[in-house]
Amino acid sequence: MNEIQQYKIPLIFGAIGLIIALLFVTIGFFKTLLILLLTGLGFLLGLYVQRTGMLDEFLNRQ
């Protein structure tokens, strides 16, 4: 169990690399790039909405 905790971050990034490699092989380079770009933009938008509290204000009004 200690070995898993020690190599937790490399295992996560290895799995991410495997998923990206599979996407490159199956759907191609540009489609994979588009997926990664839109995922990153969605993450940043969600982070912005969370930090500003916009969603909480909107939900509390109703």
N, C-alpha and C. Protein backbone atom coordinates (compact mmCIF):
# COMPACT_ATOMS: atom_id res chain seq x y z
N MET A 1 0.83 -1.19 0.00
CA MET A 1 0.00 0.00 0.00
C MET A 1 0.87 1.25 0.00
N ASN A 2 1.99 1.21 0.70
CA ASN A 2 2.88 2.36 0.76
C ASN A 2 3.48 2.67 -0.60
N GLU A 3 3.71 1.64 -1.41
CA GLU A 3 4.28 1.85 -2.75
C GLU A 3 3.29 2.60 -3.64
N ILE A 4 2.02 2.31 -3.50
CA ILE A 4 1.01 3.01 -4.29
C ILE A 4 0.96 4.48 -3.91
N GLN A 5 1.03 4.78 -2.63
CA GLN A 5 1.03 6.17 -2.18
C GLN A 5 2.28 6.91 -2.66
N GLN A 6 3.39 6.20 -2.68
CA GLN A 6 4.65 6.81 -3.09
C GLN A 6 4.63 7.19 -4.56
N TYR A 7 4.00 6.37 -5.40
CA TYR A 7 3.98 6.60 -6.84
C TYR A 7 2.61 7.04 -7.35
N LYS A 8 1.83 7.69 -6.50
CA LYS A 8 0.47 8.08 -6.85
C LYS A 8 0.44 9.06 -8.02
N ILE A 9 1.22 10.13 -7.94
CA ILE A 9 1.23 11.16 -8.99
C ILE A 9 1.75 10.61 -10.32
N PRO A 10 2.87 9.87 -10.35
CA PRO A 10 3.30 9.30 -11.62
C PRO A 10 2.29 8.33 -12.23
N LEU A 11 1.57 7.58 -11.40
CA LEU A 11 0.56 6.67 -11.91
C LEU A 11 -0.61 7.43 -12.54
N ILE A 12 -1.02 8.52 -11.91
CA ILE A 12 -2.11 9.33 -12.45
C ILE A 12 -1.71 9.93 -13.79
N PHE A 13 -0.51 10.51 -13.86
CA PHE A 13 -0.06 11.12 -15.11
C PHE A 13 0.21 10.06 -16.18
N GLY A 14 0.63 8.89 -15.79
CA GLY A 14 0.80 7.80 -16.74
C GLY A 14 -0.54 7.39 -17.35
N ALA A 15 -1.58 7.33 -16.52
CA ALA A 15 -2.92 7.00 -17.01
C ALA A 15 -3.44 8.09 -17.95
N ILE A 16 -3.20 9.34 -17.61
CA ILE A 16 -3.60 10.44 -18.48
C ILE A 16 -2.88 10.35 -19.82
N GLY A 17 -1.60 10.06 -19.78
CA GLY A 17 -0.82 9.89 -21.01
C GLY A 17 -1.34 8.76 -21.87
N LEU A 18 -1.73 7.66 -21.24
CA LEU A 18 -2.28 6.53 -21.97
C LEU A 18 -3.59 6.90 -22.64
N ILE A 19 -4.45 7.61 -21.94
CA ILE A 19 -5.73 8.04 -22.52
C ILE A 19 -5.51 8.97 -23.70
N ILE A 20 -4.58 9.92 -23.56
CA ILE A 20 -4.30 10.84 -24.67
C ILE A 20 -3.72 10.08 -25.85
N ALA A 21 -2.84 9.14 -25.61
CA ALA A 21 -2.26 8.34 -26.70
C ALA A 21 -3.34 7.54 -27.42
N LEU A 22 -4.26 6.96 -26.67
CA LEU A 22 -5.35 6.21 -27.29
C LEU A 22 -6.24 7.12 -28.13
N LEU A 23 -6.48 8.33 -27.64
CA LEU A 23 -7.27 9.29 -28.42
C LEU A 23 -6.56 9.66 -29.71
N PHE A 24 -5.25 9.89 -29.65
CA PHE A 24 -4.49 10.20 -30.87
C PHE A 24 -4.62 9.08 -31.89
N VAL A 25 -4.50 7.85 -31.44
CA VAL A 25 -4.53 6.71 -32.36
C VAL A 25 -5.93 6.50 -32.93
N THR A 26 -6.96 6.64 -32.11
CA THR A 26 -8.30 6.30 -32.55
C THR A 26 -8.99 7.42 -33.32
N ILE A 27 -8.90 8.67 -32.85
CA ILE A 27 -9.67 9.74 -33.51
C ILE A 27 -8.79 10.76 -34.23
N GLY A 28 -7.50 10.71 -34.04
CA GLY A 28 -6.61 11.60 -34.75
C GLY A 28 -6.11 12.76 -33.91
N PHE A 29 -5.11 13.44 -34.47
CA PHE A 29 -4.40 14.49 -33.76
C PHE A 29 -5.27 15.71 -33.50
N PHE A 30 -5.90 16.25 -34.54
CA PHE A 30 -6.63 17.52 -34.40
C PHE A 30 -7.91 17.37 -33.58
N LYS A 31 -8.58 16.24 -33.70
CA LYS A 31 -9.77 16.02 -32.88
C LYS A 31 -9.39 15.88 -31.41
N THR A 32 -8.28 15.21 -31.16
CA THR A 32 -7.79 15.09 -29.79
C THR A 32 -7.40 16.44 -29.23
N LEU A 33 -6.73 17.25 -30.05
CA LEU A 33 -6.36 18.60 -29.62
C LEU A 33 -7.60 19.42 -29.28
N LEU A 34 -8.64 19.31 -30.10
CA LEU A 34 -9.89 20.03 -29.84
C LEU A 34 -10.52 19.58 -28.53
N ILE A 35 -10.54 18.29 -28.28
CA ILE A 35 -11.10 17.77 -27.03
C ILE A 35 -10.32 18.30 -25.83
N LEU A 36 -8.98 18.28 -25.92
CA LEU A 36 -8.15 18.77 -24.81
C LEU A 36 -8.35 20.27 -24.60
N LEU A 37 -8.44 21.03 -25.68
CA LEU A 37 -8.65 22.47 -25.58
C LEU A 37 -9.99 22.79 -24.94
N LEU A 38 -11.05 22.16 -25.40
CA LEU A 38 -12.37 22.43 -24.84
C LEU A 38 -12.49 21.96 -23.39
N THR A 39 -11.83 20.86 -23.05
CA THR A 39 -11.82 20.41 -21.66
C THR A 39 -11.11 21.42 -20.77
N GLY A 40 -9.97 21.93 -21.25
CA GLY A 40 -9.24 22.94 -20.48
C GLY A 40 -10.04 24.22 -20.31
N LEU A 41 -10.71 24.65 -21.38
CA LEU A 41 -11.54 25.86 -21.28
C LEU A 41 -12.71 25.65 -20.33
N GLY A 42 -13.32 24.47 -20.36
CA GLY A 42 -14.40 24.17 -19.43
C GLY A 42 -13.93 24.16 -17.99
N PHE A 43 -12.74 23.62 -17.77
CA PHE A 43 -12.16 23.62 -16.42
C PHE A 43 -11.91 25.04 -15.93
N LEU A 44 -11.33 25.87 -16.80
CA LEU A 44 -11.05 27.25 -16.42
C LEU A 44 -12.33 28.03 -16.16
N LEU A 45 -13.36 27.82 -16.97
CA LEU A 45 -14.63 28.49 -16.77
C LEU A 45 -15.25 28.06 -15.44
N GLY A 46 -15.21 26.77 -15.15
CA GLY A 46 -15.74 26.28 -13.88
C GLY A 46 -14.98 26.83 -12.68
N LEU A 47 -13.67 26.95 -12.83
CA LEU A 47 -12.85 27.52 -11.77
C LEU A 47 -13.20 28.99 -11.53
N TYR A 48 -13.41 29.72 -12.62
CA TYR A 48 -13.78 31.14 -12.53
C TYR A 48 -15.13 31.30 -11.84
N VAL A 49 -16.11 30.48 -12.24
CA VAL A 49 -17.45 30.57 -11.65
C VAL A 49 -17.40 30.21 -10.18
N GLN A 50 -16.59 29.24 -9.81
CA GLN A 50 -16.47 28.84 -8.41
C GLN A 50 -15.82 29.94 -7.58
N ARG A 51 -14.75 30.52 -8.10
CA ARG A 51 -14.03 31.55 -7.32
C ARG A 51 -14.84 32.83 -7.16
N THR A 52 -15.62 33.20 -8.17
CA THR A 52 -16.41 34.43 -8.07
C THR A 52 -17.71 34.23 -7.33
N GLY A 53 -18.16 32.99 -7.20
CA GLY A 53 -19.41 32.72 -6.50
C GLY A 53 -20.64 33.07 -7.33
N MET A 54 -20.49 33.18 -8.64
CA MET A 54 -21.61 33.56 -9.50
C MET A 54 -22.75 32.55 -9.42
N LEU A 55 -22.43 31.29 -9.43
CA LEU A 55 -23.46 30.26 -9.41
C LEU A 55 -24.20 30.25 -8.08
N ASP A 56 -23.50 30.45 -6.98
CA ASP A 56 -24.13 30.49 -5.67
C ASP A 56 -25.11 31.65 -5.59
N GLU A 57 -24.71 32.82 -6.10
CA GLU A 57 -25.60 33.98 -6.10
C GLU A 57 -26.84 33.70 -6.94
N PHE A 58 -26.65 33.08 -8.09
CA PHE A 58 -27.76 32.79 -8.98
C PHE A 58 -28.73 31.80 -8.33
N LEU A 59 -28.20 30.76 -7.72
CA LEU A 59 -29.06 29.74 -7.11
C LEU A 59 -29.75 30.25 -5.86
N ASN A 60 -29.14 31.18 -5.13
CA ASN A 60 -29.77 31.72 -3.91
C ASN A 60 -30.89 32.69 -4.22
N ARG A 61 -30.90 33.28 -5.41
CA ARG A 61 -31.97 34.22 -5.78
C ARG A 61 -33.29 33.50 -5.99
N GLN A 62 -33.23 32.29 -6.44
CA GLN A 62 -34.47 31.58 -6.80
C GLN A 62 -35.04 30.81 -5.65
